[in-house]
Amino acid sequence: MRIAFVGKGGSGKTTSAAMFSRYLAELGHPVLAIDADINQHLGSALGHDGPPPRALGTDLTWLKDHLRGTNPRITSADVMIKTTPPGSGSRLLDLAPDGELLRRYSAVAGGVRHLATGEFDEADVGVSCYHSKTGAVELYLNHLVDGPGEYVVVDMTAGADAFASGLFTRFDLTVLVSEPTRRGVGVYRQYAEHAAGHGVALRVLGNKVSDPDDVAYLREQVGDALLGWFGHSAWVRAAERAAVAPIGALEPANLAVLDAVLAALDDRQRDWAGYHRGTAEFHLRNAAAWANRAVGADLAAQIDPEFVPGPRASRPVRA
C-alpha cells in the first residue's frame, strides 16, 4: 500500500510521514519512506545522521536503463520520460532491501529504509525545475509491485505543486496535513479541486491542534474528510531535537491517530488495471504536450496495450 503526506509548507507533513513510517516499521511491516519534497528533511526526521543517501533524481540515465530492462518499445534511456509506463520486458521492482536499486540509493534510519529524490544543486539553479527530480519517484512507483503488508510512505512537495505531474495519482491514500487555520484548509480545498475526477482518496489529518475549538473548526471546514488530529506532543518536540524515542512512547491520543491512518490505508483496494490506465493517460498527455517534440518520436508507442502491472504481470526483481 502507498500513502502520500501533503500539505502547505510548515504544516507538519514531513514529521507526520516520518512518524507513520517508524510506526509501521515498529509494527514489523516492510516499509520504504521516500522524500519527494524540494526541502529534503525526511531523512533527518527519521533520525538519519551523516551524509544523505545517493539521490534517486541525480542519476536518471542509470535509473531509466535499469527500469526499461528488455522492453522493446523503449529503445534507450533518451526516449524515456517521467511518465513512461512499464510494459512487457520492463523491470518490475519489489521492496527487497538487497536489490540493486535499493542497495544503490537507500539508507536506513530509525529502523526505516528510505530514498531521497534529491535537492537542487548548483547546476540546477536557474535551469531546471524540481519536477526533473520528482520524475524519478514517479518512474520508480510506476515500476514498483508492492505486495500485501508492504508500505511505501512518500513525503510530497508542499501545496498543489504535485499536480505538475501524474505523481499525485500514484497512491492508495493521500493524507493532507492541515493546521486549524484558513490557510491550512485552503490548501485542502485546492488539493481536492485539482484531484477531483482522478480517483484520489484524500483525507485530512489535523496538526498542532490545541483545544476543542480547533477540532470543531476542522470538522466544520473539511467534514467527513477529517481522519484525526495530532495534539501537542512532547515526543515530537524531543524528536526534533534528535532525541528520538520508540513510537510506543508517543502520547496515547497521538498514537491512536496513527492507528486510524493505518486502518484507513488498509481499507483501500488497489485496482492494478485502473492504476495502469492512469499511468497511460498521463503519459499520453505529456507526450502530446512536450515530450514528442523533445525526443523526436511518438511516445504513445511506448504504451503496451496488453500489459497490466501487478503480481500477475511477472515476478518482480529485487530492486
Protein backbone atom coordinates (compact mmCIF):
# COMPACT_ATOMS: atom_id res chain seq x y z
CA MET A 1 0.00 0.00 0.00
CA ARG A 2 1.16 3.52 -0.78
CA ILE A 3 0.43 6.69 1.16
CA ALA A 4 1.41 10.30 0.46
CA PHE A 5 1.60 13.08 3.02
CA VAL A 6 0.87 16.53 1.56
CA GLY A 7 0.03 19.98 2.91
CA LYS A 8 1.25 23.53 2.98
CA GLY A 9 4.80 24.28 4.00
CA GLY A 10 5.24 24.09 7.76
CA SER A 11 2.07 22.06 8.32
CA GLY A 12 3.98 19.10 9.74
CA LYS A 13 3.69 16.72 6.79
CA THR A 14 7.34 15.64 6.97
CA THR A 15 7.09 14.95 10.70
CA SER A 16 3.83 13.05 10.13
CA ALA A 17 5.36 10.98 7.31
CA ALA A 18 8.37 10.12 9.47
CA MET A 19 6.19 9.18 12.45
CA PHE A 20 3.97 6.95 10.33
CA SER A 21 6.98 5.29 8.70
CA ARG A 22 8.54 4.50 12.07
CA TYR A 23 5.17 3.32 13.37
CA LEU A 24 4.88 0.82 10.50
CA ALA A 25 8.45 -0.37 10.99
CA GLU A 26 7.96 -0.90 14.72
CA LEU A 27 4.85 -2.95 13.93
CA GLY A 28 7.14 -5.20 11.87
CA HIS A 29 5.91 -4.19 8.41
CA PRO A 30 8.23 -3.79 5.43
CA VAL A 31 8.25 -0.04 4.77
CA LEU A 32 10.04 2.30 2.39
CA ALA A 33 9.95 6.05 3.02
CA ILE A 34 10.60 8.40 0.08
CA ASP A 35 11.49 12.07 0.36
CA ALA A 36 9.95 13.75 -2.70
CA ASP A 37 9.98 17.27 -1.26
CA ILE A 38 12.25 20.01 -2.56
CA ASN A 39 13.25 20.54 1.09
CA GLN A 40 14.92 17.25 1.88
CA HIS A 41 14.22 16.74 5.59
CA LEU A 42 12.58 13.31 5.82
CA GLY A 43 15.85 11.51 6.48
CA SER A 44 16.70 13.74 9.43
CA ALA A 45 13.13 13.40 10.74
CA LEU A 46 13.67 9.63 10.71
CA GLY A 47 16.88 10.11 12.68
CA HIS A 48 19.40 9.77 9.87
CA ASP A 49 22.77 11.11 10.93
CA GLY A 50 25.52 11.61 8.40
CA PRO A 51 25.68 12.07 4.62
CA PRO A 52 22.33 11.54 2.87
CA PRO A 53 21.85 8.55 0.58
CA ARG A 54 22.61 8.91 -3.11
CA ALA A 55 19.74 10.87 -4.64
CA LEU A 56 17.40 8.98 -6.95
CA GLY A 57 16.86 12.03 -9.16
CA THR A 58 20.52 12.76 -9.88
CA ASP A 59 21.26 9.60 -11.87
CA LEU A 60 18.33 9.42 -14.27
CA THR A 61 20.13 7.66 -17.11
CA TRP A 62 21.06 4.73 -14.87
CA LEU A 63 17.55 4.63 -13.41
CA LYS A 64 15.86 4.64 -16.82
CA ASP A 65 18.15 1.95 -18.22
CA HIS A 66 17.54 -0.15 -15.13
CA LEU A 67 13.76 0.17 -15.38
CA ARG A 68 13.35 -0.30 -19.14
CA GLY A 69 15.03 -3.69 -18.94
CA THR A 70 14.42 -5.51 -22.24
CA ASN A 71 11.20 -3.66 -23.14
CA PRO A 72 11.37 -3.45 -26.97
CA ARG A 73 9.10 -0.36 -27.00
CA ILE A 74 11.79 1.70 -25.22
CA THR A 75 14.95 1.76 -27.29
CA SER A 76 17.09 3.85 -24.95
CA ALA A 77 17.05 5.98 -21.81
CA ASP A 78 16.97 9.06 -24.08
CA VAL A 79 13.35 8.40 -25.10
CA MET A 80 12.14 7.53 -21.60
CA ILE A 81 10.33 10.29 -19.69
CA LYS A 82 8.91 10.55 -16.17
CA THR A 83 5.56 9.05 -17.22
CA THR A 84 6.84 6.20 -19.39
CA PRO A 85 4.81 3.17 -18.30
CA PRO A 86 6.16 -0.33 -17.83
CA GLY A 87 5.44 -2.97 -20.44
CA SER A 88 6.50 -6.46 -21.37
CA GLY A 89 10.21 -6.75 -20.64
CA SER A 90 10.32 -3.81 -18.24
CA ARG A 91 11.99 -4.37 -14.89
CA LEU A 92 9.29 -4.57 -12.21
CA LEU A 93 10.56 -3.85 -8.72
CA ASP A 94 9.85 -5.06 -5.22
CA LEU A 95 10.90 -3.85 -1.77
CA ALA A 96 13.56 -6.47 -1.07
CA PRO A 97 16.41 -4.44 0.51
CA ASP A 98 19.20 -6.40 -1.19
CA GLY A 99 18.08 -5.50 -4.70
CA GLU A 100 20.36 -3.42 -6.89
CA LEU A 101 18.34 -0.20 -6.85
CA LEU A 102 17.77 -0.06 -3.10
CA ARG A 103 21.37 -1.04 -2.40
CA ARG A 104 22.47 1.80 -4.67
CA TYR A 105 20.18 4.54 -3.41
CA SER A 106 18.70 3.80 0.00
CA ALA A 107 19.77 4.18 3.62
CA VAL A 108 18.27 3.09 6.92
CA ALA A 109 17.39 5.40 9.79
CA GLY A 110 15.08 4.83 12.74
CA GLY A 111 14.52 1.29 11.51
CA VAL A 112 13.16 2.65 8.21
CA ARG A 113 14.72 2.25 4.77
CA HIS A 114 14.41 5.50 2.86
CA LEU A 115 15.10 7.07 -0.53
CA ALA A 116 15.60 10.72 -1.41
CA THR A 117 14.75 12.14 -4.81
CA GLY A 118 17.39 14.84 -4.31
CA GLU A 119 17.55 18.57 -3.84
CA PHE A 120 18.65 21.35 -6.14
CA ASP A 121 22.37 21.58 -6.72
CA GLU A 122 24.39 24.39 -8.26
CA ALA A 123 23.91 23.07 -11.79
CA ASP A 124 20.11 23.18 -11.39
CA VAL A 125 19.80 26.78 -10.23
CA GLY A 126 18.13 28.92 -12.88
CA VAL A 127 18.00 25.98 -15.30
CA SER A 128 15.89 23.08 -14.07
CA CYS A 129 12.54 22.74 -12.38
CA TYR A 130 12.14 20.42 -9.42
CA HIS A 131 9.93 18.06 -11.40
CA SER A 132 13.05 16.72 -13.09
CA LYS A 133 13.82 15.29 -9.63
CA THR A 134 10.33 14.09 -8.66
CA GLY A 135 10.03 12.43 -12.06
CA ALA A 136 12.43 9.81 -10.71
CA VAL A 137 9.94 8.96 -7.96
CA GLU A 138 7.11 8.72 -10.48
CA LEU A 139 9.13 6.31 -12.62
CA TYR A 140 10.03 4.27 -9.56
CA LEU A 141 6.43 3.96 -8.38
CA ASN A 142 5.17 3.12 -11.87
CA HIS A 143 7.51 0.11 -11.91
CA LEU A 144 7.00 -0.98 -8.30
CA VAL A 145 4.90 -4.02 -7.46
CA ASP A 146 4.36 -3.68 -3.73
CA GLY A 147 2.77 -6.71 -2.13
CA PRO A 148 0.35 -7.34 0.75
CA GLY A 149 1.54 -5.94 4.06
CA GLU A 150 4.18 -3.75 2.41
CA TYR A 151 4.07 0.02 2.66
CA VAL A 152 5.54 2.99 0.80
CA VAL A 153 5.31 6.37 2.54
CA VAL A 154 6.05 9.49 0.47
CA ASP A 155 6.66 12.99 1.79
CA MET A 156 5.44 15.14 -1.09
CA THR A 157 6.14 18.69 -2.21
CA ALA A 158 4.20 21.43 -0.43
CA GLY A 159 0.86 22.79 -1.58
CA ALA A 160 -0.51 21.90 -5.01
CA ASP A 161 2.91 21.52 -6.65
CA ALA A 162 2.36 17.76 -7.02
CA PHE A 163 -0.14 18.42 -9.80
CA ALA A 164 2.62 19.33 -12.26
CA SER A 165 2.90 15.58 -12.95
CA GLY A 166 0.87 12.42 -12.53
CA LEU A 167 2.66 11.63 -9.28
CA PHE A 168 -0.39 12.66 -7.24
CA THR A 169 -2.32 9.63 -8.59
CA ARG A 170 0.27 7.03 -7.56
CA PHE A 171 -1.07 6.45 -4.03
CA ASP A 172 -3.74 4.35 -2.39
CA LEU A 173 -4.36 7.12 0.14
CA THR A 174 -3.34 10.78 0.25
CA VAL A 175 -3.28 12.46 3.66
CA LEU A 176 -3.29 16.23 3.73
CA VAL A 177 -1.82 17.56 6.97
CA SER A 178 -3.61 20.75 7.98
CA GLU A 179 -3.33 23.16 10.83
CA PRO A 180 -6.68 24.51 12.10
CA THR A 181 -6.30 27.70 10.08
CA ARG A 182 -7.82 29.26 6.96
CA ARG A 183 -4.57 28.75 5.07
CA GLY A 184 -4.39 25.11 6.08
CA VAL A 185 -7.91 24.21 4.99
CA GLY A 186 -7.47 26.43 1.91
CA VAL A 187 -4.71 24.11 0.72
CA TYR A 188 -7.06 21.16 1.30
CA ARG A 189 -9.78 22.72 -0.85
CA GLN A 190 -7.28 23.50 -3.60
CA TYR A 191 -5.89 19.96 -3.49
CA ALA A 192 -9.37 18.42 -3.53
CA GLU A 193 -10.38 20.57 -6.50
CA HIS A 194 -7.34 19.60 -8.57
CA ALA A 195 -7.61 15.92 -7.63
CA ALA A 196 -11.32 15.63 -8.47
CA GLY A 197 -12.00 13.09 -11.19
CA HIS A 198 -8.66 11.31 -10.83
CA GLY A 199 -9.65 8.69 -8.27
CA VAL A 200 -7.60 10.21 -5.46
CA ALA A 201 -8.62 9.07 -1.97
CA LEU A 202 -8.00 12.25 0.06
CA ARG A 203 -8.26 12.58 3.84
CA VAL A 204 -7.26 15.32 6.27
CA LEU A 205 -5.04 14.94 9.31
CA GLY A 206 -5.20 17.86 11.71
CA ASN A 207 -1.97 19.00 13.29
CA LYS A 208 -0.99 21.47 16.03
CA VAL A 209 -4.48 21.14 17.48
CA SER A 210 -4.69 22.83 20.87
CA ASP A 211 -8.30 22.63 22.04
CA PRO A 212 -11.87 21.58 21.13
CA ASP A 213 -12.36 24.79 19.16
CA ASP A 214 -9.56 23.74 16.81
CA VAL A 215 -11.21 20.34 16.30
CA ALA A 216 -14.60 21.95 15.71
CA TYR A 217 -13.09 24.29 13.13
CA LEU A 218 -11.52 21.42 11.20
CA ARG A 219 -14.76 19.41 11.32
CA GLU A 220 -16.72 22.40 10.06
CA GLN A 221 -14.30 23.05 7.22
CA VAL A 222 -13.47 19.55 5.94
CA GLY A 223 -16.33 17.42 7.23
CA ASP A 224 -16.02 13.65 6.87
CA ALA A 225 -12.59 14.00 5.28
CA LEU A 226 -11.14 14.55 8.77
CA LEU A 227 -9.30 11.39 9.71
CA GLY A 228 -7.91 12.52 13.07
CA TRP A 229 -5.68 15.12 14.63
CA PHE A 230 -2.41 15.45 16.48
CA GLY A 231 -2.31 17.47 19.64
CA HIS A 232 0.72 18.80 21.47
CA SER A 233 3.46 16.18 21.63
CA ALA A 234 6.48 16.19 23.88
CA TRP A 235 7.60 13.11 21.91
CA VAL A 236 7.68 15.11 18.67
CA ARG A 237 9.41 18.06 20.30
CA ALA A 238 12.13 15.76 21.64
CA ALA A 239 12.46 14.06 18.23
CA GLU A 240 13.01 17.47 16.62
CA ARG A 241 15.99 17.85 18.96
CA ALA A 242 17.28 14.44 17.76
CA ALA A 243 16.15 12.65 20.95
CA VAL A 244 14.09 10.03 19.12
CA ALA A 245 12.23 7.54 21.34
CA PRO A 246 10.31 4.40 20.29
CA ILE A 247 6.91 5.12 18.75
CA GLY A 248 5.32 3.21 21.62
CA ALA A 249 6.32 6.11 23.85
CA LEU A 250 4.17 8.52 21.83
CA GLU A 251 1.22 10.03 23.72
CA PRO A 252 -1.73 7.57 23.59
CA ALA A 253 -4.05 10.02 21.83
CA ASN A 254 -1.46 10.72 19.15
CA LEU A 255 -0.62 7.04 18.79
CA ALA A 256 -4.32 6.37 18.20
CA VAL A 257 -4.18 8.77 15.26
CA LEU A 258 -1.51 6.62 13.62
CA ASP A 259 -3.76 3.60 14.19
CA ALA A 260 -6.56 5.44 12.36
CA VAL A 261 -4.31 6.34 9.43
CA LEU A 262 -3.22 2.71 9.05
CA ALA A 263 -6.82 1.48 9.23
CA ALA A 264 -7.85 3.94 6.51
CA LEU A 265 -4.93 2.88 4.32
CA ASP A 266 -5.55 -0.83 4.79
CA ASP A 267 -9.19 -0.30 3.86
CA ARG A 268 -8.17 0.65 0.34
CA GLN A 269 -8.12 -1.87 -2.51
CA ARG A 270 -5.85 -1.27 -5.48
CA ASP A 271 -7.17 -1.81 -8.98
CA TRP A 272 -3.97 -2.54 -10.91
CA ALA A 273 -5.71 -2.19 -14.29
CA GLY A 274 -7.17 1.18 -13.31
CA TYR A 275 -3.84 2.27 -11.88
CA HIS A 276 -2.12 1.44 -15.16
CA ARG A 277 -4.78 3.26 -17.18
CA GLY A 278 -3.95 6.38 -15.18
CA THR A 279 -0.27 5.88 -15.94
CA ALA A 280 -1.00 5.66 -19.66
CA GLU A 281 -3.33 8.70 -19.55
CA PHE A 282 -0.69 10.98 -18.07
CA HIS A 283 1.92 9.59 -20.41
CA LEU A 284 -0.21 10.49 -23.43
CA ARG A 285 -0.76 13.98 -22.01
CA ASN A 286 2.95 14.57 -21.56
CA ALA A 287 3.76 13.08 -24.95
CA ALA A 288 1.35 15.41 -26.74
CA ALA A 289 2.24 18.49 -24.67
CA TRP A 290 6.02 18.44 -24.95
CA ALA A 291 7.76 15.08 -24.96
CA ASN A 292 7.18 14.03 -28.59
CA ARG A 293 8.85 17.24 -29.74
CA ALA A 294 11.61 16.93 -27.17
CA VAL A 295 12.71 13.42 -28.15
CA GLY A 296 11.63 13.44 -31.80
CA ALA A 297 9.41 10.37 -31.56
CA ASP A 298 5.79 9.40 -30.92
CA LEU A 299 5.91 8.27 -27.31
CA ALA A 300 2.38 6.90 -27.44
CA ALA A 301 4.03 3.84 -28.98
CA GLN A 302 5.68 3.12 -25.61
CA ILE A 303 2.31 2.00 -24.19
CA ASP A 304 1.94 -1.78 -24.28
CA PRO A 305 -1.84 -2.34 -24.76
CA GLU A 306 -1.70 -5.92 -23.49
CA PHE A 307 0.27 -5.21 -20.31
CA VAL A 308 -1.09 -4.66 -16.80
CA PRO A 309 1.39 -4.41 -13.89
CA GLY A 310 0.83 -6.17 -10.61
CA PRO A 311 1.69 -9.51 -9.00
CA ARG A 312 0.42 -11.46 -12.03
CA ALA A 313 2.30 -9.48 -14.66
CA SER A 314 5.64 -11.11 -13.98
CA ARG A 315 7.75 -11.87 -10.99
CA PRO A 316 9.26 -8.60 -9.75
CA VAL A 317 13.00 -8.46 -9.45
CA ARG A 318 14.72 -7.41 -6.29
CA ALA A 319 15.30 -3.70 -6.67
